[in-house]
């Protein structure tokens, strides 16, 4: 960007050799940029995706509903257990079901197969970020933007679990790339429409985004286009996307399923997803997830790490270079979508993800600018150093304190990876201080590789967090041939249904669970708070009971300790004769 200036510096022999090695490695990477990005993404995300147990609640709800599609062979309706799940469209379930059918080899209870959809979505998002930047920057800079996006904590998290956001980001980027090219062409004096294949691909991406996460992608693209049109006082550039044809094409992508679910659910899907779920998010903080504007700004130090090293000075430079069409587009994208999500009362950390590709691309433009000593800049660049170091310290504290909170010590592998991450972070900070931003970016990515691998080794080992997998192991040990599906009272997390099977019954009260199990017998899980009611109901039914084992831990979804006991119940005489 034009806002930076050239600085001076002298390198010694060792420094020159290191620089030469770095340049040779970067040249090798840029020979196959998309393959290199895919490899980087897998190194960042695969350890977590392969080792993390099923998460509550959204991930397990998505995975279980996708599993039931395969079991029922009904690919229109969406269900969790016996209840309809109509808060999101069908796209993510189709991709998760297809991935599990292909990669599961008949096994449908392995959570990693459902995470393949997010892994592929994240890789596609990195590729599309590279594609977007290649319209206005050299491959070297475009690769830096895509690699920084891939290394962010938020995209790494969303690409490692079976939810919608990574795949939706890729779909949204397809349309944003079309808008970007139309805007650049117009600003360069070309008023012709873009090639038909490009318009078809962009509008199809928007249609796919609707199928994956409803109107979120539309909102991001709309605020970007609106912000640019108001800023320039000119909306004629939108004609380059063939909008009339494109809207019809996007509608054609969505229409077959949209009509089918309307008929099959008798309109209940739209009443639930738009009238209840989406409208509630806009009207108030849904499910205790409300927060004031500024929520995402408060979290960005962690969620955008390690690219935070460049974010503040990059934004400063972008504001100064706002007359450049590409920079203006990225600023409109980042600020427009950021303000949109801050304005919505319901807030969760991952909602802001569609703004991050624009931020990553602005950071890459800053990295690709001429060498500059930080001492010649204002305090903006120093603020980036402080923000980056603070984010690293918080993540390392979580790495160390999480296991110790539950009486465990971090393993040797975790400690070694933590030290490597600290060394890479120190290298990145030092290089950024010297104005050597490409090498600082490389240090950031190495730090994220080490730190995320440490988290992948650390978090699954904290057994207190993973109540459902331990209960599933207990049930497997106590099961007998012919047992009916398990009933769980009090502990009613979706991960338990995913691990134990679709027939698992969740009962909010111990008395309700006792009424069910006293008639048929079998295994029942009872949380401590429901034990008194459960025992009293069984005594009244004259059923016999035998304790099979106990699991204690933390229900992190509710933020409270749990104590769950597994019982085998034999119906009483009156039940057997009924």
Protein backbone atom coordinates (compact mmCIF):
# COMPACT_ATOMS: atom_id res chain seq x y z
CA UNK A 1 0.00 0.00 0.00
CA UNK A 2 1.15 3.49 -0.73
CA UNK A 3 1.08 4.52 2.93
CA UNK A 4 4.44 2.90 3.74
CA UNK A 5 7.98 4.05 3.06
CA UNK A 6 11.32 2.37 2.53
CA UNK A 7 13.67 1.98 5.51
CA UNK A 8 17.37 1.24 5.74
CA UNK A 9 19.19 -1.67 7.35
CA UNK A 10 22.35 -3.74 7.02
CA UNK A 11 22.40 -7.51 7.11
CA UNK A 12 25.32 -9.66 8.13
CA UNK A 13 26.47 -12.84 6.40
CA UNK A 14 24.27 -15.11 8.54
CA UNK A 15 21.31 -12.82 8.00
CA UNK A 16 21.89 -12.89 4.25
CA UNK A 17 22.06 -16.69 4.18
CA UNK A 18 18.86 -16.92 6.23
CA UNK A 19 17.15 -14.50 3.88
CA UNK A 20 18.29 -16.57 0.89
CA UNK A 21 16.93 -19.78 2.44
CA UNK A 22 13.63 -18.07 3.20
CA UNK A 23 13.31 -16.80 -0.36
CA UNK A 24 14.09 -20.23 -1.83
CA UNK A 25 11.48 -21.88 0.39
CA UNK A 26 8.90 -19.22 -0.49
CA UNK A 27 9.62 -19.67 -4.20
CA UNK A 28 9.06 -23.42 -3.82
CA UNK A 29 5.74 -22.85 -2.03
CA UNK A 30 4.57 -20.44 -4.71
CA UNK A 31 5.16 -23.02 -7.45
CA UNK A 32 2.11 -24.88 -6.09
CA UNK A 33 0.23 -22.29 -4.03
CA UNK A 34 -3.07 -24.16 -3.74
CA UNK A 35 -1.43 -27.46 -2.81
CA UNK A 36 0.72 -25.58 -0.28
CA UNK A 37 -2.35 -23.92 1.22
CA UNK A 38 -4.16 -27.26 1.48
CA UNK A 39 -1.15 -28.84 3.17
CA UNK A 40 -0.86 -25.93 5.60
CA UNK A 41 -4.56 -26.13 6.40
CA UNK A 42 -4.40 -29.85 7.11
CA UNK A 43 -1.37 -29.37 9.35
CA UNK A 44 -3.23 -26.65 11.26
CA UNK A 45 -6.63 -28.31 11.59
CA UNK A 46 -6.35 -32.07 11.18
CA UNK A 47 -4.85 -32.84 14.62
CA UNK A 48 -7.84 -31.24 16.34
CA UNK A 49 -10.42 -32.65 13.91
CA UNK A 50 -9.03 -36.17 14.40
CA UNK A 51 -8.68 -36.17 18.20
CA UNK A 52 -11.36 -33.90 19.67
CA UNK A 53 -14.39 -35.80 21.03
CA UNK A 54 -17.89 -34.74 19.88
CA UNK A 55 -18.60 -31.21 21.07
CA UNK A 56 -21.80 -29.94 22.66
CA UNK A 57 -24.10 -28.63 21.61
CA UNK A 58 -24.19 -27.46 18.00
CA UNK A 59 -21.62 -29.86 16.58
CA UNK A 60 -23.31 -32.97 17.95
CA UNK A 61 -26.73 -31.75 16.83
CA UNK A 62 -25.47 -31.24 13.28
CA UNK A 63 -23.65 -34.58 13.21
CA UNK A 64 -26.55 -36.54 14.72
CA UNK A 65 -29.04 -35.02 12.27
CA UNK A 66 -26.73 -35.88 9.37
CA UNK A 67 -26.40 -39.41 10.73
CA UNK A 68 -30.19 -39.74 10.83
CA UNK A 69 -30.38 -38.68 7.19
CA UNK A 70 -28.21 -41.67 6.34
CA UNK A 71 -30.22 -43.97 8.57
CA UNK A 72 -33.61 -42.87 7.24
CA UNK A 73 -32.46 -42.12 3.64
CA UNK A 74 -34.66 -39.01 3.89
CA UNK A 75 -32.53 -36.16 2.50
CA UNK A 76 -35.24 -33.49 2.61
CA UNK A 77 -36.43 -33.46 6.21
CA UNK A 78 -34.02 -32.70 9.08
CA UNK A 79 -34.46 -34.37 12.46
CA UNK A 80 -32.65 -34.73 15.77
CA UNK A 81 -34.07 -37.82 17.44
CA UNK A 82 -37.82 -37.65 16.92
CA UNK A 83 -37.93 -33.84 16.82
CA UNK A 84 -37.64 -31.71 13.65
CA UNK A 85 -34.49 -29.56 13.46
CA UNK A 86 -35.56 -26.59 11.43
CA UNK A 87 -33.23 -23.80 12.52
CA UNK A 88 -30.78 -24.21 9.58
CA UNK A 89 -31.24 -25.28 5.93
CA UNK A 90 -30.15 -28.63 4.57
CA UNK A 91 -26.82 -27.91 2.87
CA UNK A 92 -24.47 -28.77 5.73
CA UNK A 93 -26.31 -32.01 6.43
CA UNK A 94 -25.97 -33.13 2.82
CA UNK A 95 -22.23 -32.53 2.80
CA UNK A 96 -21.68 -34.15 6.20
CA UNK A 97 -23.78 -37.17 5.22
CA UNK A 98 -21.95 -37.56 1.91
CA UNK A 99 -18.55 -37.31 3.61
CA UNK A 100 -19.51 -39.93 6.20
CA UNK A 101 -20.95 -42.27 3.59
CA UNK A 102 -17.72 -42.06 1.57
CA UNK A 103 -15.09 -41.96 4.33
CA UNK A 104 -16.84 -43.83 7.13
CA UNK A 105 -16.84 -47.27 5.42
CA UNK A 106 -20.17 -48.10 7.05
CA UNK A 107 -19.37 -46.49 10.43
CA UNK A 108 -21.61 -43.55 11.29
CA UNK A 109 -20.55 -42.87 14.87
CA UNK A 110 -17.10 -41.40 14.16
CA UNK A 111 -17.26 -37.65 14.56
CA UNK A 112 -14.22 -36.99 12.36
CA UNK A 113 -16.12 -38.07 9.24
CA UNK A 114 -18.69 -35.32 9.84
CA UNK A 115 -15.87 -32.80 10.26
CA UNK A 116 -14.62 -33.44 6.72
CA UNK A 117 -17.22 -30.96 5.45
CA UNK A 118 -15.69 -28.19 7.58
CA UNK A 119 -12.13 -29.18 6.65
CA UNK A 120 -12.97 -28.96 2.96
CA UNK A 121 -14.87 -25.72 3.52
CA UNK A 122 -11.90 -24.17 5.29
CA UNK A 123 -9.49 -25.25 2.53
CA UNK A 124 -11.86 -23.86 -0.10
CA UNK A 125 -12.03 -20.58 1.87
CA UNK A 126 -8.23 -20.34 1.82
CA UNK A 127 -8.14 -21.08 -1.92
CA UNK A 128 -10.85 -18.51 -2.62
CA UNK A 129 -9.03 -15.89 -0.55
CA UNK A 130 -5.96 -16.52 -2.74
CA UNK A 131 -8.20 -16.24 -5.83
CA UNK A 132 -9.73 -12.99 -4.62
CA UNK A 133 -6.33 -11.41 -3.95
CA UNK A 134 -4.90 -12.60 -7.25
CA UNK A 135 -7.22 -10.11 -8.96
CA UNK A 136 -5.17 -7.18 -7.64
CA UNK A 137 -1.96 -8.48 -6.01
CA UNK A 138 0.95 -10.77 -6.94
CA UNK A 139 0.78 -14.45 -5.97
CA UNK A 140 3.27 -13.89 -3.15
CA UNK A 141 0.96 -11.40 -1.43
CA UNK A 142 -2.17 -13.43 -2.22
CA UNK A 143 -0.59 -16.50 -0.64
CA UNK A 144 0.25 -14.52 2.51
CA UNK A 145 -3.37 -13.39 2.85
CA UNK A 146 -4.75 -16.90 2.43
CA UNK A 147 -2.18 -18.41 4.80
CA UNK A 148 -2.88 -15.79 7.47
CA UNK A 149 -6.62 -16.46 7.23
CA UNK A 150 -6.03 -20.21 7.54
CA UNK A 151 -3.88 -19.71 10.63
CA UNK A 152 -6.39 -17.58 12.55
CA UNK A 153 -7.72 -19.21 15.68
CA UNK A 154 -11.35 -18.73 14.63
CA UNK A 155 -11.11 -20.36 11.19
CA UNK A 156 -8.91 -23.11 12.66
CA UNK A 157 -11.57 -23.85 15.26
CA UNK A 158 -14.47 -23.77 12.80
CA UNK A 159 -12.63 -25.94 10.27
CA UNK A 160 -12.03 -28.59 12.93
CA UNK A 161 -15.62 -29.16 14.08
CA UNK A 162 -18.78 -30.29 12.31
CA UNK A 163 -20.70 -27.00 12.05
CA UNK A 164 -21.71 -24.66 9.23
CA UNK A 165 -19.32 -21.73 9.43
CA UNK A 166 -16.23 -22.86 7.51
CA UNK A 167 -18.32 -24.18 4.60
CA UNK A 168 -20.51 -21.08 4.63
CA UNK A 169 -17.40 -18.89 4.53
CA UNK A 170 -16.24 -20.63 1.35
CA UNK A 171 -19.66 -20.16 -0.27
CA UNK A 172 -19.76 -16.48 0.72
CA UNK A 173 -16.24 -15.92 -0.65
CA UNK A 174 -17.33 -17.24 -4.04
CA UNK A 175 -19.87 -14.42 -4.36
CA UNK A 176 -17.58 -11.81 -2.80
CA UNK A 177 -14.93 -12.70 -5.38
CA UNK A 178 -17.44 -12.01 -8.15
CA UNK A 179 -18.36 -8.64 -6.61
CA UNK A 180 -14.68 -7.76 -6.22
CA UNK A 181 -13.89 -8.45 -9.86
CA UNK A 182 -16.95 -6.51 -11.03
CA UNK A 183 -15.95 -3.53 -8.90
CA UNK A 184 -12.31 -3.54 -10.05
CA UNK A 185 -13.35 -3.83 -13.69
CA UNK A 186 -15.68 -0.84 -13.38
CA UNK A 187 -13.06 1.29 -11.64
CA UNK A 188 -10.62 0.43 -14.45
CA UNK A 189 -13.10 1.74 -17.03
CA UNK A 190 -14.46 -1.60 -18.25
CA UNK A 191 -18.27 -1.47 -18.22
CA UNK A 192 -18.79 -4.88 -19.78
CA UNK A 193 -20.36 -7.75 -17.84
CA UNK A 194 -17.98 -10.34 -16.50
CA UNK A 195 -17.69 -13.73 -18.27
CA UNK A 196 -20.81 -15.85 -18.00
CA UNK A 197 -19.03 -18.77 -16.30
CA UNK A 198 -17.71 -16.46 -13.58
CA UNK A 199 -21.13 -14.97 -12.93
CA UNK A 200 -22.69 -18.44 -12.81
CA UNK A 201 -20.08 -19.61 -10.31
CA UNK A 202 -20.52 -16.55 -8.09
CA UNK A 203 -24.30 -16.66 -7.98
CA UNK A 204 -24.26 -20.45 -7.50
CA UNK A 205 -21.98 -19.86 -4.51
CA UNK A 206 -24.54 -17.47 -3.05
CA UNK A 207 -27.26 -20.07 -3.59
CA UNK A 208 -25.10 -22.67 -1.85
CA UNK A 209 -24.56 -20.24 1.03
CA UNK A 210 -28.33 -19.95 1.45
CA UNK A 211 -28.61 -23.74 1.56
CA UNK A 212 -25.85 -23.92 4.20
CA UNK A 213 -26.71 -21.04 6.54
CA UNK A 214 -29.72 -19.18 5.25
CA UNK A 215 -29.49 -15.40 4.71
CA UNK A 216 -26.08 -14.82 6.37
CA UNK A 217 -24.14 -14.85 3.09
CA UNK A 218 -26.69 -12.55 1.48
CA UNK A 219 -26.23 -10.10 4.35
CA UNK A 220 -22.44 -9.99 4.01
CA UNK A 221 -22.55 -9.50 0.23
CA UNK A 222 -25.36 -6.95 0.49
CA UNK A 223 -23.64 -4.72 3.07
CA UNK A 224 -20.41 -4.83 1.05
CA UNK A 225 -22.20 -3.77 -2.14
CA UNK A 226 -24.25 -1.13 -0.31
CA UNK A 227 -21.24 0.36 1.48
CA UNK A 228 -19.27 0.64 -1.77
CA UNK A 229 -22.19 2.07 -3.72
CA UNK A 230 -22.84 4.73 -1.08
CA UNK A 231 -19.13 5.50 -0.73
CA UNK A 232 -18.70 6.00 -4.48
CA UNK A 233 -22.24 7.30 -5.06
CA UNK A 234 -22.39 4.82 -7.92
CA UNK A 235 -24.00 1.39 -8.05
CA UNK A 236 -23.57 0.81 -11.78
CA UNK A 237 -20.65 -1.54 -11.15
CA UNK A 238 -23.11 -4.17 -9.97
CA UNK A 239 -24.37 -4.61 -13.53
CA UNK A 240 -21.12 -6.46 -14.29
CA UNK A 241 -22.36 -9.40 -12.18
CA UNK A 242 -25.44 -9.92 -14.45
CA UNK A 243 -27.73 -9.44 -11.42
CA UNK A 244 -31.13 -10.22 -12.93
CA UNK A 245 -29.90 -13.47 -14.44
CA UNK A 246 -27.79 -14.22 -11.35
CA UNK A 247 -30.61 -13.84 -8.85
CA UNK A 248 -32.73 -16.25 -10.86
CA UNK A 249 -29.83 -18.69 -11.07
CA UNK A 250 -29.21 -18.55 -7.30
CA UNK A 251 -32.93 -19.07 -6.71
CA UNK A 252 -32.84 -22.10 -9.01
CA UNK A 253 -30.08 -23.61 -6.86
CA UNK A 254 -32.18 -23.23 -3.71
CA UNK A 255 -35.69 -23.81 -5.07
CA UNK A 256 -35.90 -27.65 -5.37
CA UNK A 257 -35.18 -28.27 -1.71
CA UNK A 258 -36.99 -25.09 -0.58
CA UNK A 259 -40.19 -26.32 -2.22
CA UNK A 260 -39.73 -29.91 -1.06
CA UNK A 261 -39.26 -28.99 2.62
CA UNK A 262 -42.20 -26.58 2.48
CA UNK A 263 -44.44 -29.41 1.29
CA UNK A 264 -43.02 -32.08 3.59
CA UNK A 265 -43.09 -29.92 6.74
CA UNK A 266 -46.36 -28.18 5.81
CA UNK A 267 -44.59 -24.84 6.19
CA UNK A 268 -43.19 -25.62 9.64
CA UNK A 269 -39.59 -25.26 8.45
CA UNK A 270 -40.04 -21.61 7.48
CA UNK A 271 -42.07 -20.85 10.56
CA UNK A 272 -39.30 -22.25 12.75
CA UNK A 273 -36.16 -21.15 10.88
CA UNK A 274 -37.23 -17.67 9.79
CA UNK A 275 -40.11 -16.83 12.10
CA UNK A 276 -38.51 -18.16 15.29
CA UNK A 277 -34.76 -18.79 15.01
CA UNK A 278 -33.64 -16.00 12.66
CA UNK A 279 -36.15 -13.40 13.84
CA UNK A 280 -35.27 -14.10 17.48
CA UNK A 281 -31.58 -13.50 16.76
CA UNK A 282 -32.40 -10.11 15.26
CA UNK A 283 -34.85 -9.08 17.97
CA UNK A 284 -32.95 -10.08 21.12
CA UNK A 285 -30.09 -12.17 22.47
CA UNK A 286 -31.24 -15.72 21.76
CA UNK A 287 -30.53 -18.54 24.26
CA UNK A 288 -28.59 -16.22 26.62
CA UNK A 289 -26.18 -15.26 23.82
CA UNK A 290 -26.96 -11.55 23.84
CA UNK A 291 -24.16 -8.99 24.05
CA UNK A 292 -23.64 -5.29 23.49
CA UNK A 293 -21.91 -3.88 20.39
CA UNK A 294 -18.16 -4.20 20.78
CA UNK A 295 -18.33 -7.91 21.62
CA UNK A 296 -16.35 -8.99 18.54
CA UNK A 297 -13.85 -6.18 18.99
CA UNK A 298 -13.18 -7.46 22.51
CA UNK A 299 -12.57 -10.99 21.19
CA UNK A 300 -10.50 -10.17 18.11
CA UNK A 301 -7.18 -10.37 20.00
CA UNK A 302 -7.79 -14.11 20.33
CA UNK A 303 -10.01 -14.99 17.38
CA UNK A 304 -7.83 -13.28 14.74
CA UNK A 305 -4.52 -14.38 16.29
CA UNK A 306 -1.77 -14.63 14.97
CA UNK A 307 -2.67 -12.17 12.20
CA UNK A 308 -3.25 -9.60 14.94
CA UNK A 309 0.45 -8.78 14.62
CA UNK A 310 -0.40 -6.87 11.43
CA UNK A 311 -4.08 -5.98 11.84
CA UNK A 312 -3.85 -2.54 13.50
CA UNK A 313 -1.08 -1.07 11.30
CA UNK A 314 -2.66 -2.67 8.23
CA UNK A 315 -5.97 -0.94 8.92
CA UNK A 316 -4.16 2.34 9.45
CA UNK A 317 -2.35 1.95 6.12
CA UNK A 318 -5.56 0.87 4.39
CA UNK A 319 -7.38 4.00 5.51
CA UNK A 320 -4.56 6.09 4.04
CA UNK A 321 -4.71 4.08 0.79
CA UNK A 322 -8.52 4.03 0.60
CA UNK A 323 -8.56 5.60 -2.85
CA UNK A 324 -7.14 2.37 -4.31
CA UNK A 325 -10.11 0.31 -5.57
CA UNK A 326 -9.03 -3.03 -4.04
CA UNK A 327 -8.32 -1.45 -0.66
CA UNK A 328 -11.66 0.37 -0.75
CA UNK A 329 -13.49 -2.88 -1.51
CA UNK A 330 -11.77 -4.69 1.38
CA UNK A 331 -12.49 -1.85 3.79
CA UNK A 332 -16.17 -1.85 2.79
CA UNK A 333 -16.29 -5.63 3.21
CA UNK A 334 -14.56 -5.68 6.60
CA UNK A 335 -16.29 -2.70 8.18
CA UNK A 336 -19.72 -3.30 6.65
CA UNK A 337 -19.97 -6.92 7.76
CA UNK A 338 -18.36 -6.12 11.13
CA UNK A 339 -20.96 -3.44 11.87
CA UNK A 340 -23.70 -5.80 10.70
CA UNK A 341 -22.73 -8.53 13.16
CA UNK A 342 -22.13 -6.07 16.00
CA UNK A 343 -25.64 -4.68 15.46
CA UNK A 344 -27.32 -8.09 15.77
CA UNK A 345 -28.28 -8.65 19.46
CA UNK A 346 -27.47 -12.38 19.40
CA UNK A 347 -23.69 -12.85 19.37
CA UNK A 348 -21.42 -15.88 19.30
CA UNK A 349 -17.67 -15.76 18.59
CA UNK A 350 -17.92 -17.47 15.20
CA UNK A 351 -20.56 -15.14 13.71
CA UNK A 352 -17.88 -12.59 12.75
CA UNK A 353 -15.92 -15.06 10.57
CA UNK A 354 -17.15 -13.67 7.18
CA UNK A 355 -15.30 -10.39 7.93
CA UNK A 356 -11.95 -12.11 8.46
CA UNK A 357 -10.92 -12.78 4.83
CA UNK A 358 -11.03 -9.03 4.14
CA UNK A 359 -8.94 -8.32 7.24
CA UNK A 360 -6.44 -11.03 6.27
CA UNK A 361 -6.10 -9.57 2.77
CA UNK A 362 -5.48 -6.10 4.18
CA UNK A 363 -2.80 -7.59 6.42
CA UNK A 364 -1.22 -9.26 3.40
CA UNK A 365 -1.13 -5.97 1.51
CA UNK A 366 0.65 -4.42 4.47
CA UNK A 367 3.11 -7.32 4.63
CA UNK A 368 3.82 -7.04 0.91
CA UNK A 369 4.59 -3.32 1.07
CA UNK A 370 8.19 -2.05 1.08
CA UNK A 371 10.47 -2.75 4.03
CA UNK A 372 9.92 -0.29 6.85
CA UNK A 373 11.41 0.10 10.31
CA UNK A 374 8.75 0.17 13.03
CA UNK A 375 10.55 3.05 14.72
CA UNK A 376 9.58 5.31 11.78
CA UNK A 377 5.89 4.60 12.34
CA UNK A 378 3.38 5.83 14.87
CA UNK A 379 2.21 3.80 17.83
CA UNK A 380 -0.21 1.82 15.61
CA UNK A 381 2.42 -0.77 14.71
CA UNK A 382 3.59 -1.07 18.31
CA UNK A 383 -0.05 -1.65 19.30
CA UNK A 384 -0.05 -4.60 16.89
CA UNK A 385 3.00 -6.06 18.62
CA UNK A 386 1.36 -5.70 22.02
CA UNK A 387 -1.93 -7.18 20.82
CA UNK A 388 -0.19 -10.16 19.26
CA UNK A 389 1.88 -10.86 22.39
CA UNK A 390 -1.18 -10.53 24.61
CA UNK A 391 -3.15 -13.02 22.51
CA UNK A 392 -0.29 -15.51 22.66
CA UNK A 393 0.01 -15.19 26.45
CA UNK A 394 -3.72 -15.81 26.93
CA UNK A 395 -3.64 -18.91 24.71
CA UNK A 396 -0.57 -20.30 26.48
CA UNK A 397 -2.21 -19.65 29.84
CA UNK A 398 -5.23 -21.67 28.68
CA UNK A 399 -2.89 -24.43 27.49
CA UNK A 400 -1.25 -24.69 30.90
CA UNK A 401 -4.12 -23.87 33.26
CA UNK A 402 -6.87 -25.96 31.64
CA UNK A 403 -5.42 -29.36 32.56
CA UNK A 404 -4.11 -28.18 35.92
CA UNK A 405 -7.60 -26.93 36.78
CA UNK A 406 -8.70 -30.57 36.71
CA UNK A 407 -5.70 -32.09 38.43
CA UNK A 408 -3.64 -32.96 35.34
CA UNK A 409 -0.25 -31.74 34.20
CA UNK A 410 0.49 -30.90 30.56
CA UNK A 411 2.29 -33.75 28.79
CA UNK A 412 5.84 -33.53 27.50
CA UNK A 413 4.66 -33.15 23.90
CA UNK A 414 2.49 -30.21 24.92
CA UNK A 415 5.42 -28.53 26.71
CA UNK A 416 7.76 -29.02 23.75
CA UNK A 417 5.19 -27.63 21.31
CA UNK A 418 4.52 -24.72 23.66
CA UNK A 419 8.22 -23.85 23.76
CA UNK A 420 8.38 -24.02 19.96
CA UNK A 421 5.34 -21.74 19.71
CA UNK A 422 6.96 -19.28 22.13
CA UNK A 423 10.20 -19.25 20.11
CA UNK A 424 8.30 -18.70 16.84
CA UNK A 425 6.26 -15.90 18.42
CA UNK A 426 9.42 -14.21 19.70
CA UNK A 427 10.93 -14.51 16.21
CA UNK A 428 7.79 -12.98 14.66
CA UNK A 429 7.78 -10.08 17.11
CA UNK A 430 11.50 -9.40 16.55
CA UNK A 431 11.17 -9.48 12.76
CA UNK A 432 8.13 -7.21 12.88
CA UNK A 433 10.09 -4.78 15.05
CA UNK A 434 12.82 -4.75 12.42
CA UNK A 435 10.28 -4.17 9.65
CA UNK A 436 10.84 -7.61 8.07
CA UNK A 437 7.17 -8.39 7.76
CA UNK A 438 7.26 -11.41 5.39
CA UNK A 439 9.52 -13.25 7.82
CA UNK A 440 7.39 -12.08 10.72
CA UNK A 441 4.37 -13.59 8.94
CA UNK A 442 6.24 -16.89 8.55
CA UNK A 443 6.98 -16.83 12.28
CA UNK A 444 3.29 -16.26 13.00
CA UNK A 445 2.26 -19.28 10.95
CA UNK A 446 4.90 -21.52 12.57
CA UNK A 447 3.71 -20.35 15.99
CA UNK A 448 0.10 -21.21 15.12
CA UNK A 449 1.12 -24.66 13.85
CA UNK A 450 2.89 -25.44 17.13
CA UNK A 451 0.28 -23.91 19.40
CA UNK A 452 -2.72 -25.55 17.72
CA UNK A 453 -0.95 -28.92 17.78
CA UNK A 454 -0.34 -28.41 21.51
CA UNK A 455 -4.01 -27.58 22.06
CA UNK A 456 -5.01 -30.66 20.04
CA UNK A 457 -2.84 -32.80 22.31
CA UNK A 458 -3.88 -31.02 25.50
CA UNK A 459 -7.64 -30.45 25.40
CA UNK A 460 -8.82 -34.01 24.55
CA UNK A 461 -6.69 -35.33 27.42
CA UNK A 462 -8.66 -33.35 30.03
CA UNK A 463 -11.05 -36.21 30.79
CA UNK A 464 -13.28 -34.14 33.08
CA UNK A 465 -14.54 -32.21 30.04
CA UNK A 466 -15.57 -35.28 28.06
CA UNK A 467 -18.46 -36.74 30.02
CA UNK A 468 -20.36 -38.22 27.07
CA UNK A 469 -17.46 -40.34 25.70
CA UNK A 470 -16.81 -41.74 29.18
CA UNK A 471 -20.51 -42.53 29.63
CA UNK A 472 -20.61 -44.20 26.21
CA UNK A 473 -17.65 -46.40 27.21
CA UNK A 474 -19.43 -47.29 30.47
CA UNK A 475 -22.62 -48.20 28.59
CA UNK A 476 -20.69 -50.34 26.09
CA UNK A 477 -19.13 -52.29 28.97
CA UNK A 478 -22.46 -52.88 30.73
CA UNK A 479 -24.62 -53.61 27.67
CA UNK A 480 -26.21 -56.99 27.06
CA UNK A 481 -27.73 -58.45 23.89
CA UNK A 482 -31.34 -57.39 23.51
CA UNK A 483 -31.07 -54.29 25.68
CA UNK A 484 -33.46 -51.49 24.66
CA UNK A 485 -32.00 -48.06 23.86
CA UNK A 486 -30.47 -46.22 26.80
CA UNK A 487 -32.40 -43.57 28.70
CA UNK A 488 -30.60 -40.57 30.22
CA UNK A 489 -32.12 -38.40 32.94
CA UNK A 490 -30.68 -35.01 33.81
CA UNK A 491 -27.66 -35.25 31.53
CA UNK A 492 -29.27 -34.56 28.17
CA UNK A 493 -26.44 -33.35 25.93
CA UNK A 494 -26.62 -34.07 22.16
CA UNK A 495 -23.17 -35.69 22.15
CA UNK A 496 -24.61 -38.55 24.20
CA UNK A 497 -27.22 -39.27 21.54
CA UNK A 498 -24.57 -39.18 18.81
CA UNK A 499 -22.36 -41.67 20.68
CA UNK A 500 -25.07 -44.02 22.00
CA UNK A 501 -27.34 -44.04 18.95
CA UNK A 502 -30.46 -42.43 17.57
CA UNK A 503 -32.77 -44.46 19.83
CA UNK A 504 -31.33 -42.89 22.99
CA UNK A 505 -34.04 -41.21 25.04
CA UNK A 506 -33.32 -37.97 26.88
CA UNK A 507 -35.52 -37.25 29.90
CA UNK A 508 -35.46 -33.89 31.64
CA UNK A 509 -36.62 -35.40 34.93
CA UNK A 510 -35.65 -38.48 36.87
CA UNK A 511 -39.26 -39.45 37.47
CA UNK A 512 -39.99 -39.43 33.75
CA UNK A 513 -36.98 -41.65 33.07
CA UNK A 514 -38.07 -44.05 35.81
CA UNK A 515 -41.54 -44.30 34.33
CA UNK A 516 -40.06 -45.29 30.99
CA UNK A 517 -37.46 -47.75 32.23
CA UNK A 518 -39.62 -49.41 34.90
CA UNK A 519 -41.89 -50.81 32.17
CA UNK A 520 -39.21 -52.27 29.92
CA UNK A 521 -35.99 -52.50 31.93
CA UNK A 522 -32.50 -51.88 30.59
CA UNK A 523 -29.82 -49.27 31.17
CA UNK A 524 -30.50 -45.77 32.41
CA UNK A 525 -28.14 -42.87 33.14
CA UNK A 526 -29.18 -40.62 36.01
CA UNK A 527 -27.57 -37.33 37.00
CA UNK A 528 -27.19 -36.59 40.72
CA UNK A 529 -29.87 -33.89 40.77
CA UNK A 530 -32.46 -36.36 39.45
CA UNK A 531 -31.48 -39.38 41.51
CA UNK A 532 -33.96 -38.91 44.38
CA UNK A 533 -36.98 -38.65 42.08
CA UNK A 534 -35.72 -41.57 40.02
CA UNK A 535 -35.29 -43.88 43.02
CA UNK A 536 -38.67 -42.94 44.47
CA UNK A 537 -40.47 -43.68 41.21
CA UNK A 538 -38.74 -47.06 40.87
CA UNK A 539 -39.69 -48.05 44.41
CA UNK A 540 -43.30 -47.31 43.62
CA UNK A 541 -43.04 -49.47 40.50
CA UNK A 542 -41.34 -52.27 42.52
CA UNK A 543 -38.51 -52.44 39.98
CA UNK A 544 -35.08 -53.74 40.98
CA UNK A 545 -31.95 -51.73 40.28
CA UNK A 546 -28.24 -52.45 40.05
CA UNK A 547 -25.54 -49.79 39.80
CA UNK A 548 -23.11 -50.30 36.89
CA UNK A 549 -20.70 -47.38 37.27
CA UNK A 550 -20.32 -43.65 37.77
CA UNK A 551 -18.82 -40.74 35.82
CA UNK A 552 -18.01 -37.33 37.27
CA UNK A 553 -16.93 -34.31 35.27
CA UNK A 554 -17.86 -30.89 33.98
CA UNK A 555 -20.77 -30.14 31.69
CA UNK A 556 -19.06 -27.23 29.91
CA UNK A 557 -22.24 -26.35 27.99
CA UNK A 558 -23.98 -25.51 31.26
CA UNK A 559 -20.87 -24.60 33.23
CA UNK A 560 -21.53 -26.96 36.11
CA UNK A 561 -20.18 -30.15 37.62
CA UNK A 562 -22.09 -33.36 36.92
CA UNK A 563 -22.22 -36.78 38.56
CA UNK A 564 -23.90 -39.42 36.41
CA UNK A 565 -24.55 -43.02 37.50
CA UNK A 566 -25.42 -45.90 35.16
CA UNK A 567 -28.06 -48.31 36.44
CA UNK A 568 -29.49 -51.54 35.13
CA UNK A 569 -33.22 -51.75 35.89
CA UNK A 570 -35.29 -54.93 35.99
CA UNK A 571 -39.06 -54.34 35.84
CA UNK A 572 -41.10 -55.28 38.88
CA UNK A 573 -43.77 -58.02 38.91
CA UNK A 574 -46.63 -55.69 38.08
CA UNK A 575 -44.77 -54.30 35.07
CA UNK A 576 -43.98 -57.75 33.72
CA UNK A 577 -47.59 -58.87 33.80
CA UNK A 578 -48.96 -55.69 32.14
